[in-house]
Protein backbone atom coordinates (compact mmCIF):
# COMPACT_ATOMS: atom_id res chain seq x y z
CA MET A 1 43.85 15.52 -18.53
CA THR A 2 40.18 14.12 -18.70
CA GLY A 3 39.56 10.75 -16.92
CA PRO A 4 38.90 7.92 -18.94
CA SER A 5 34.96 7.76 -20.37
CA LEU A 6 32.69 4.97 -21.40
CA ALA A 7 31.57 4.36 -25.52
CA ASP A 8 28.41 6.38 -24.93
CA GLY A 9 30.51 9.21 -23.17
CA ARG A 10 29.39 8.51 -19.53
CA SER A 11 32.40 8.49 -17.09
CA PRO A 12 32.65 4.98 -15.71
CA THR A 13 31.17 4.48 -12.22
CA ARG A 14 34.23 4.71 -9.56
CA LYS A 15 33.45 2.20 -6.43
CA ARG A 16 33.37 4.15 -3.79
CA SER A 17 35.49 4.03 -0.50
CA GLY A 18 34.23 2.89 3.25
CA SER A 19 34.43 6.21 4.48
CA GLU A 20 32.88 7.97 1.61
CA ARG A 21 30.16 5.09 1.81
CA THR A 22 29.72 6.43 5.56
CA ALA A 23 30.08 10.43 4.78
CA SER A 24 27.14 9.75 2.26
CA ILE A 25 25.12 7.91 4.94
CA ASN A 26 25.92 10.13 7.93
CA SER A 27 25.04 13.44 5.34
CA LEU A 28 21.51 12.46 5.63
CA ASP A 29 19.40 15.26 8.54
CA HIS A 30 18.70 12.90 11.70
CA ASP A 31 14.84 14.38 11.40
CA ILE A 32 14.65 13.39 7.95
CA LEU A 33 16.12 9.84 8.80
CA CYS A 34 13.40 9.85 11.74
CA VAL A 35 10.30 9.93 9.02
CA VAL A 36 12.15 8.00 6.82
CA PHE A 37 12.29 5.26 9.36
CA SER A 38 8.35 5.76 10.50
CA PHE A 39 7.35 4.24 7.62
CA LEU A 40 9.47 1.10 7.95
CA GLY A 41 8.38 -2.40 9.69
CA PRO A 42 10.52 -4.12 12.44
CA PHE A 43 12.57 -6.25 10.07
CA ASP A 44 13.27 -3.24 7.71
CA LEU A 45 14.16 -1.02 10.87
CA ALA A 46 16.57 -3.85 12.18
CA ARG A 47 18.11 -3.92 9.11
CA CYS A 48 18.21 0.09 9.23
CA SER A 49 20.01 -0.37 12.54
CA SER A 50 22.65 -2.58 11.47
CA VAL A 51 23.72 -0.17 8.86
CA CYS A 52 26.19 2.21 10.92
CA LYS A 53 26.06 3.06 14.77
CA PHE A 54 24.82 6.76 13.74
CA TRP A 55 21.46 5.05 12.45
CA ASN A 56 21.50 2.57 15.25
CA LYS A 57 21.82 5.53 17.37
CA ILE A 58 18.39 7.18 15.56
CA VAL A 59 16.44 3.95 15.57
CA SER A 60 17.13 3.18 19.40
CA LYS A 61 16.83 6.59 20.81
CA SER A 62 14.22 7.71 18.45
CA LYS A 63 11.86 5.46 20.10
CA LEU A 64 10.77 4.31 16.33
CA LEU A 65 10.48 0.46 17.68
CA GLN A 66 8.56 1.07 20.78
CA ASP A 67 5.89 2.92 18.65
CA LEU A 68 5.81 0.27 16.30
CA TYR A 69 5.33 -2.78 18.89
CA TYR A 70 2.21 -0.55 20.47
CA ARG A 71 0.98 0.52 17.47
CA ARG A 72 0.85 -3.35 16.67
CA ARG A 73 -1.23 -4.22 19.73
CA CYS A 74 -3.65 -1.52 19.17
CA SER A 75 -2.40 0.22 22.80
CA TYR A 76 0.14 3.00 21.24
CA ALA A 77 -0.96 5.82 23.36
CA HIS A 78 -2.20 4.98 26.81
CA SER A 79 -0.19 1.79 27.34
CA SER A 80 0.79 1.91 31.21
CA ASN A 81 3.63 -0.42 30.69
CA MET A 82 5.38 2.07 27.80
CA PRO A 83 7.98 3.47 30.46
CA ALA A 84 9.30 0.00 31.48
CA LEU A 85 9.17 -1.12 27.66
CA SER A 86 11.16 1.72 26.31
CA GLN A 87 14.01 0.55 28.36
CA LYS A 88 14.36 -2.77 26.71
CA PRO A 89 16.97 -2.86 24.20
CA LEU A 90 16.36 -2.87 20.54
CA ARG A 91 17.17 -6.80 20.16
CA TYR A 92 14.70 -7.87 22.69
CA HIS A 93 11.86 -6.58 20.79
CA MET A 94 13.13 -7.88 17.57
CA ARG A 95 13.81 -11.01 19.04
CA GLU A 96 10.16 -10.82 19.88
CA TRP A 97 8.84 -9.61 17.30
CA ALA A 98 10.99 -12.55 14.91
CA ILE A 99 9.69 -15.34 16.79
CA GLN A 100 5.82 -14.21 16.55
CA HIS A 101 5.96 -13.65 13.03
CA HIS A 102 8.08 -17.00 12.63
CA GLN A 103 5.45 -18.95 15.01
CA SER A 104 2.30 -17.61 12.69
CA SER A 105 4.31 -18.59 9.33
CA LEU A 106 4.73 -21.99 10.15
CA ARG A 107 1.93 -22.18 11.63
CA GLU A 108 -0.80 -20.49 9.51
CA GLY A 109 1.22 -19.23 6.18
CA HIS A 110 1.49 -20.30 3.08
CA VAL A 111 4.79 -21.86 1.54
CA ASP A 112 7.16 -21.28 -1.16
CA LEU A 113 10.17 -23.64 -2.33
CA ASP A 114 13.54 -22.92 -3.83
CA GLN A 115 15.36 -26.08 -5.20
CA TRP A 116 18.48 -25.81 -6.63
CA LYS A 117 21.17 -28.42 -8.16
CA GLY A 118 23.96 -28.49 -5.07
CA HIS A 119 25.83 -31.43 -5.90
CA SER A 120 26.57 -33.75 -8.77
CA ILE A 121 25.70 -36.88 -6.47
CA GLY A 122 23.27 -37.15 -3.27
CA VAL A 123 24.06 -35.57 -0.62
CA ASN A 124 22.20 -36.33 3.42
CA GLN A 125 23.15 -33.61 5.26
CA CYS A 126 22.63 -29.83 5.63
CA ARG A 127 23.09 -26.99 8.81
CA MET A 128 22.02 -23.62 8.61
CA LYS A 129 23.70 -20.40 10.75
CA THR A 130 23.68 -16.59 10.28
CA GLY A 131 22.80 -16.80 6.71
CA LEU A 132 24.35 -19.33 5.31
CA ILE A 133 23.48 -22.93 4.44
CA LEU A 134 26.46 -25.75 4.15
CA THR A 135 25.36 -29.13 2.61
CA GLY A 136 27.47 -32.36 2.07
CA VAL A 137 27.77 -35.83 2.40
CA GLY A 138 27.46 -38.14 -0.01
CA ASP A 139 30.35 -36.78 -2.61
CA LYS A 140 33.70 -35.24 -1.85
CA VAL A 141 32.71 -31.59 -1.46
CA MET A 142 31.25 -29.62 0.91
CA ARG A 143 29.45 -26.38 -0.03
CA LEU A 144 28.98 -22.74 1.44
CA TRP A 145 25.74 -21.19 0.49
CA SER A 146 23.57 -17.92 1.29
CA ALA A 147 20.43 -18.63 2.36
CA GLU A 148 19.00 -15.90 0.37
CA SER A 149 20.39 -15.71 -2.90
CA TYR A 150 21.66 -19.57 -2.88
CA ILE A 151 25.20 -18.30 -4.59
CA CYS A 152 27.89 -21.02 -3.54
CA LEU A 153 30.19 -18.94 -1.24
CA GLY A 154 33.12 -21.35 -0.99
CA GLU A 155 33.96 -25.34 -2.23
CA TYR A 156 35.87 -27.31 0.80
CA ALA A 157 37.29 -30.70 -0.92
CA ILE A 158 37.45 -33.89 1.06
CA PRO A 159 40.82 -36.11 1.28
CA HIS A 160 40.23 -38.67 -1.33
CA ALA A 161 41.31 -41.67 1.11
CA VAL A 162 38.67 -40.54 3.28
CA SER A 163 34.64 -39.96 3.52
CA LEU A 164 33.07 -37.04 5.44
CA ILE A 165 30.41 -38.88 8.07
CA ASP A 166 29.04 -35.19 9.80
CA TYR A 167 30.15 -32.05 10.21
CA ASP A 168 29.40 -28.51 11.98
CA PHE A 169 30.77 -25.00 11.45
CA ASP A 170 30.77 -21.25 12.57
CA GLU A 171 31.21 -18.28 11.28
CA SER A 172 35.36 -19.15 10.87
CA LYS A 173 35.48 -22.52 10.47
CA ILE A 174 33.88 -26.16 9.49
CA VAL A 175 34.95 -29.33 11.75
CA GLY A 176 34.71 -32.24 9.99
CA LEU A 177 34.56 -35.91 10.64
CA ILE A 178 36.46 -37.89 8.28
CA GLY A 179 36.98 -41.41 8.41
CA THR A 180 38.51 -41.76 12.29
CA ARG A 181 39.95 -38.56 12.16
CA ILE A 182 38.51 -34.77 12.70
CA GLY A 183 39.46 -32.32 9.62
CA ILE A 184 39.29 -28.28 9.87
CA TRP A 185 38.26 -26.36 7.02
CA ARG A 186 39.22 -22.50 7.24
CA ARG A 187 36.76 -20.26 5.98
CA GLY A 188 39.74 -18.92 3.83
CA GLY A 189 40.21 -22.10 2.49
CA GLN A 190 43.05 -23.67 4.38
CA ARG A 191 42.41 -27.28 6.00
CA SER A 192 44.17 -29.27 8.26
CA ILE A 193 43.40 -32.82 9.45
CA PHE A 194 44.34 -33.54 13.28
CA PRO A 195 47.84 -35.87 13.45
CA SER A 196 47.06 -39.11 13.49
CA ARG A 197 49.16 -39.84 17.16
CA GLU A 198 46.20 -37.75 18.46
CA GLY A 199 43.23 -38.08 16.26
CA THR A 200 42.39 -41.37 15.43
CA PHE A 201 39.16 -43.28 17.24
CA PRO A 202 37.18 -45.97 17.14
CA LYS A 203 34.68 -45.71 13.78
CA GLY A 204 32.81 -41.92 14.53
CA LEU A 205 28.81 -42.04 13.61
CA CYS A 206 27.80 -37.94 14.52
CA LEU A 207 29.97 -34.79 15.59
CA ARG A 208 29.09 -31.69 16.94
CA TYR A 209 30.83 -28.42 17.84
CA LEU A 210 30.96 -25.94 20.12
CA ASP A 211 33.73 -23.67 19.96
CA PRO A 212 36.69 -24.67 21.19
CA GLU A 213 35.75 -28.71 21.60
CA ALA A 214 34.67 -30.89 19.02
CA VAL A 215 32.40 -33.97 20.36
CA ILE A 216 32.49 -37.12 18.46
CA GLY A 217 30.08 -40.04 18.87
CA CYS A 218 31.51 -42.94 18.59
CA GLU A 219 30.33 -46.98 17.57
CA ASP A 220 31.41 -48.28 21.10
CA GLY A 221 29.31 -45.76 22.89
CA THR A 222 31.70 -43.54 23.93
CA VAL A 223 31.74 -39.86 23.40
CA ARG A 224 35.44 -38.13 22.85
CA VAL A 225 35.64 -34.83 22.87
CA PHE A 226 38.61 -32.82 21.14
CA ASP A 227 40.24 -29.74 22.09
CA MET A 228 40.22 -27.46 18.27
CA TYR A 229 43.01 -25.62 19.74
CA SER A 230 45.52 -28.22 21.62
CA ARG A 231 44.28 -30.43 18.72
CA LYS A 232 43.87 -32.98 21.73
CA CYS A 233 41.30 -35.85 23.21
CA SER A 234 40.68 -34.16 26.11
CA ARG A 235 37.93 -36.60 27.69
CA ILE A 236 36.42 -40.03 26.51
CA ILE A 237 33.05 -40.63 28.09
CA ARG A 238 31.14 -43.51 28.50
CA MET A 239 28.02 -42.76 27.52
CA HIS A 240 25.92 -46.15 26.22
CA SER A 241 26.59 -49.79 25.98
CA ALA A 242 25.22 -49.09 22.17
CA PRO A 243 26.85 -47.02 19.08
CA VAL A 244 26.29 -43.52 19.60
CA THR A 245 23.70 -42.18 16.84
CA CYS A 246 23.27 -38.46 17.18
CA LEU A 247 24.21 -35.57 19.68
CA SER A 248 23.27 -32.15 20.93
CA LEU A 249 25.53 -29.58 23.03
CA SER A 250 24.15 -27.00 25.21
CA GLY A 251 25.82 -23.63 26.13
CA GLU A 252 25.55 -25.15 29.97
CA GLN A 253 28.45 -27.37 28.93
CA LEU A 254 26.03 -30.62 28.68
CA ILE A 255 26.07 -33.70 25.95
CA PHE A 256 23.21 -35.46 24.92
CA SER A 257 23.59 -38.33 23.02
CA GLY A 258 21.18 -40.93 21.84
CA SER A 259 21.79 -44.50 21.41
CA SER A 260 20.74 -47.52 18.74
CA LEU A 261 19.37 -49.04 21.38
CA GLY A 262 16.59 -46.17 22.44
CA SER A 263 18.33 -44.69 25.09
CA ILE A 264 19.62 -40.84 25.59
CA THR A 265 22.00 -39.76 28.18
CA ILE A 266 22.93 -36.81 29.28
CA SER A 267 26.61 -35.92 30.79
CA GLY A 268 28.95 -32.64 31.60
CA LEU A 269 31.42 -31.46 28.64
CA SER A 270 33.25 -30.69 31.26
CA SER A 271 34.03 -33.82 33.05
CA ASP A 272 32.74 -37.45 32.92
CA GLU A 273 30.05 -36.96 34.94
CA ARG A 274 26.41 -38.41 34.25
CA VAL A 275 23.76 -36.36 34.78
CA ALA A 276 20.64 -38.29 34.00
CA THR A 277 19.28 -41.29 31.42
CA LEU A 278 16.32 -40.89 29.22
CA ARG A 279 14.25 -43.55 28.27
CA PRO A 280 11.45 -43.16 25.77
CA ASN A 281 8.42 -46.33 25.88
CA ASP A 282 9.17 -47.04 22.46
CA ARG A 283 12.75 -48.78 22.38
CA ILE A 284 13.65 -48.30 18.92
CA GLY A 285 16.93 -46.57 17.95
CA ILE A 286 17.49 -42.76 18.41
CA LYS A 287 17.58 -41.06 15.26
CA THR A 288 17.82 -37.40 15.97
CA LEU A 289 17.58 -35.40 18.90
CA CYS A 290 18.13 -31.37 19.93
CA PHE A 291 18.07 -29.53 23.47
CA ASN A 292 16.09 -25.97 23.67
CA PRO A 293 17.77 -24.19 26.35
CA CYS A 294 15.03 -21.51 26.47
CA SER A 295 12.46 -23.99 27.81
CA ASN A 296 14.73 -27.05 29.07
CA LEU A 297 13.09 -29.09 26.74
CA VAL A 298 14.96 -32.20 24.94
CA PHE A 299 13.36 -33.62 21.68
CA ALA A 300 13.91 -36.63 19.90
CA GLY A 301 12.72 -38.74 16.87
CA CYS A 302 13.09 -42.55 16.73
CA ALA A 303 13.30 -44.87 14.11
CA SER A 304 9.39 -46.12 14.30
CA GLY A 305 8.09 -42.65 13.85
CA TYR A 306 7.59 -41.49 17.15
CA ALA A 307 8.27 -37.79 18.26
CA SER A 308 9.26 -37.83 22.35
CA CYS A 309 10.01 -34.66 24.42
CA TRP A 310 11.68 -34.57 28.14
CA ASP A 311 11.55 -31.42 30.83
CA LEU A 312 14.81 -31.57 32.29
CA ARG A 313 13.43 -29.80 35.20
CA LYS A 314 11.30 -32.76 36.28
CA MET A 315 13.52 -35.48 34.48
CA GLY A 316 10.56 -36.93 32.98
CA VAL A 317 8.55 -37.78 29.88
CA LEU A 318 6.51 -34.66 28.41
CA TRP A 319 5.05 -36.34 25.90
CA GLU A 320 5.43 -39.05 23.19
CA ARG A 321 3.35 -39.16 19.47
CA ARG A 322 3.68 -41.10 16.64
CA VAL A 323 4.11 -38.62 14.10
CA SER A 324 5.23 -40.43 11.08
CA PRO A 325 4.53 -44.20 10.15
CA ASN A 326 8.57 -44.20 9.67
CA VAL A 327 11.77 -43.25 10.62
CA LEU A 328 12.31 -39.71 11.72
CA TYR A 329 15.79 -38.97 10.24
CA SER A 330 15.84 -35.09 11.52
CA LEU A 331 14.38 -32.24 14.12
CA GLY A 332 15.02 -29.05 14.97
CA HIS A 333 13.46 -25.28 16.16
CA MET A 334 14.56 -21.94 15.96
CA GLN A 335 16.70 -20.27 18.56
CA TYR A 336 14.70 -18.78 21.48
CA ASP A 337 11.53 -20.47 19.81
CA THR A 338 9.96 -22.18 22.76
CA SER A 339 6.61 -23.21 20.31
CA THR A 340 7.35 -24.87 17.06
CA LEU A 341 9.39 -27.91 16.30
CA VAL A 342 9.76 -28.95 12.98
CA VAL A 343 10.19 -32.64 11.57
CA GLY A 344 11.00 -34.82 8.54
CA GLY A 345 11.92 -38.09 7.72
CA ILE A 346 11.43 -41.05 5.27
CA ASP A 347 8.09 -40.22 4.33
CA GLY A 348 9.30 -36.96 2.85
CA VAL A 349 6.47 -35.12 5.14
CA LEU A 350 7.49 -31.59 6.53
CA ARG A 351 6.14 -31.15 9.62
CA VAL A 352 5.49 -29.02 12.43
CA LEU A 353 4.65 -30.02 16.22
CA ASP A 354 3.48 -27.92 19.00
CA GLN A 355 6.42 -27.95 21.32
CA SER A 356 4.79 -28.25 24.50
CA THR A 357 1.79 -30.64 23.82
CA GLY A 358 3.50 -32.99 20.58
CA GLU A 359 0.13 -32.49 18.62
CA LEU A 360 0.61 -31.81 14.85
CA VAL A 361 0.11 -28.21 14.31
CA SER A 362 0.67 -28.59 9.99
CA SER A 363 2.49 -30.96 7.27
CA PHE A 364 3.66 -29.91 4.18
CA VAL A 365 4.72 -31.46 0.50
CA MET A 366 5.95 -30.00 -2.73
CA ASP A 367 2.98 -29.06 -4.74
CA GLN A 368 3.09 -31.38 -7.80
CA LEU A 369 -0.37 -29.52 -9.79
CA VAL A 370 1.59 -26.01 -10.12
CA SER A 371 2.19 -26.31 -13.68
CA SER A 372 3.32 -22.80 -13.83
CA ALA A 373 7.11 -23.66 -11.65
CA SER A 374 9.56 -21.30 -12.96
CA SER A 375 13.52 -21.38 -12.79
CA SER A 376 15.85 -18.52 -12.86
CA GLY A 377 19.35 -18.61 -12.42
CA GLY A 378 19.44 -22.63 -11.58
CA ILE A 379 16.85 -22.27 -9.05
CA GLU A 380 13.27 -23.67 -9.32
CA LYS A 381 10.51 -21.85 -7.76
CA ARG A 382 7.59 -24.07 -6.26
CA LYS A 383 4.56 -23.98 -3.89
CA GLY A 384 4.31 -25.72 -0.79
CA ARG A 385 0.90 -27.69 -0.16
CA ARG A 386 -0.94 -28.14 3.04
CA LEU A 387 -1.95 -30.81 4.17
CA SER A 388 -5.23 -31.75 5.81
CA GLU A 389 -5.33 -34.10 8.92
CA ASP A 390 -6.88 -37.00 6.71
CA ALA A 391 -4.53 -36.77 3.80
CA GLN A 392 -3.43 -40.22 2.40
CA ILE A 393 0.19 -39.95 2.10
CA ASP A 394 0.62 -43.30 -0.13
CA SER A 395 -1.13 -41.15 -2.59
CA ILE A 396 0.92 -38.28 -2.77
CA PRO A 397 3.51 -38.89 -5.36
CA ARG A 398 7.37 -39.83 -4.43
CA ALA A 399 8.91 -37.09 -6.50
CA ALA A 400 6.86 -34.16 -4.49
CA ARG A 401 7.87 -35.79 -0.71
CA PRO A 402 11.46 -37.00 -1.16
CA PRO A 403 12.94 -38.64 1.95
CA ILE A 404 14.20 -35.87 4.42
CA THR A 405 17.20 -36.79 5.47
CA CYS A 406 18.30 -33.48 7.49
CA LEU A 407 16.92 -30.31 8.01
CA ALA A 408 17.88 -26.46 9.34
CA VAL A 409 15.56 -23.96 10.96
CA GLY A 410 15.87 -20.40 10.21
CA MET A 411 13.83 -17.15 10.39
CA LYS A 412 10.49 -18.29 8.59
CA LYS A 413 12.18 -20.67 6.54
CA VAL A 414 13.39 -24.48 6.54
CA VAL A 415 15.98 -25.99 4.20
CA THR A 416 16.48 -29.57 3.82
CA ALA A 417 18.56 -32.59 2.23
CA HIS A 418 17.28 -35.49 0.45
CA ASN A 419 20.08 -37.71 -0.26
CA GLY A 420 19.77 -36.49 -3.55
CA LYS A 421 21.47 -33.42 -5.69
CA GLN A 422 19.03 -31.17 -5.36
CA ILE A 423 18.74 -28.92 -2.01
CA ARG A 424 15.14 -27.32 -1.07
CA MET A 425 14.65 -24.30 0.72
CA TRP A 426 10.93 -24.25 2.56
CA LYS A 427 9.81 -19.99 2.81
CA PHE A 428 6.69 -19.60 4.93
CA ARG A 429 4.54 -16.46 4.49
């Protein structure tokens, strides 16, 4: 008996199993793969190395990556450093190249914009990690998107009796601050809320999560640390005499908190010991902050438009600059990047600063003059416009620069939320 066929006589395509796909991949000759891989660039090589162990071994052991490294630096054949460099793992070279490409793209590249309707009403928060974007705060649902295709991968409903204030996520779950309690949404869809006897606290204003602990910044100036597994508050740390407006966590067990009075306090995550207090010269409230563990620098944005940087090794101010005439709502950098800092605020201009000096490197808005903006599958494609140093911001239409209420930085891309229905992806090249 013959199998089923399509109307045109062809046999239907059968989906191959994982073992069949692996066998097909491994059937390619080692030498043939080396020749094919030699035509690829570093990012394509990285993707190939993650396909399977066989390909990873070929890319790593054949020195393709090291050869490419030297060719790009015009010192391929005669470098005395090649033996030492060849011992470094693949991830080291890929990280180095990735950061260099990212930095040069933000400093000198062109920018394209993709925007899509993410919610039925305005939302003002976004996070981006491991190729995923999570948006929310404003309506009754959080949505998880692919950072490449913008396909919605999941929806996570907020209980109707409470409002979502802030959230964070990792590869397996979303942790949200809802009302005066904490909620957990598993990526599979299951939702749970901390019991009232353990999970309630004074009004929370911000949240950050670093497994296994969620840290809540409260209106009474305290920071409360919750264990996600025992679902209990393990510590209450007095950080400020004013509301805690923003938080950042480090893998070295440090909590950074900004206050409405303009100070930043650093405490240990595993104890209530205060490490330091940082005070900018401009005392208007801290709206956003982040910590770069690679350089030990702390960055903050204020309500007056100032950005500030402190060096934790010296516990002193490295620089302070007024980069915007109005409030700075969000700032961030890509992991391992010690060169560029992306800043956004109420004037809607996306700015790139030098992390070491605070100098303005570049600034962007959406180009309103592009008449050939295209739309495909609900994704509107536009062009970004690089602004000159003497550009008059007030003369730029507000439609091209809605307030940037939140941003997240990835490889040669920045996702922004604007307290509207649209989510924007800035892609630098």
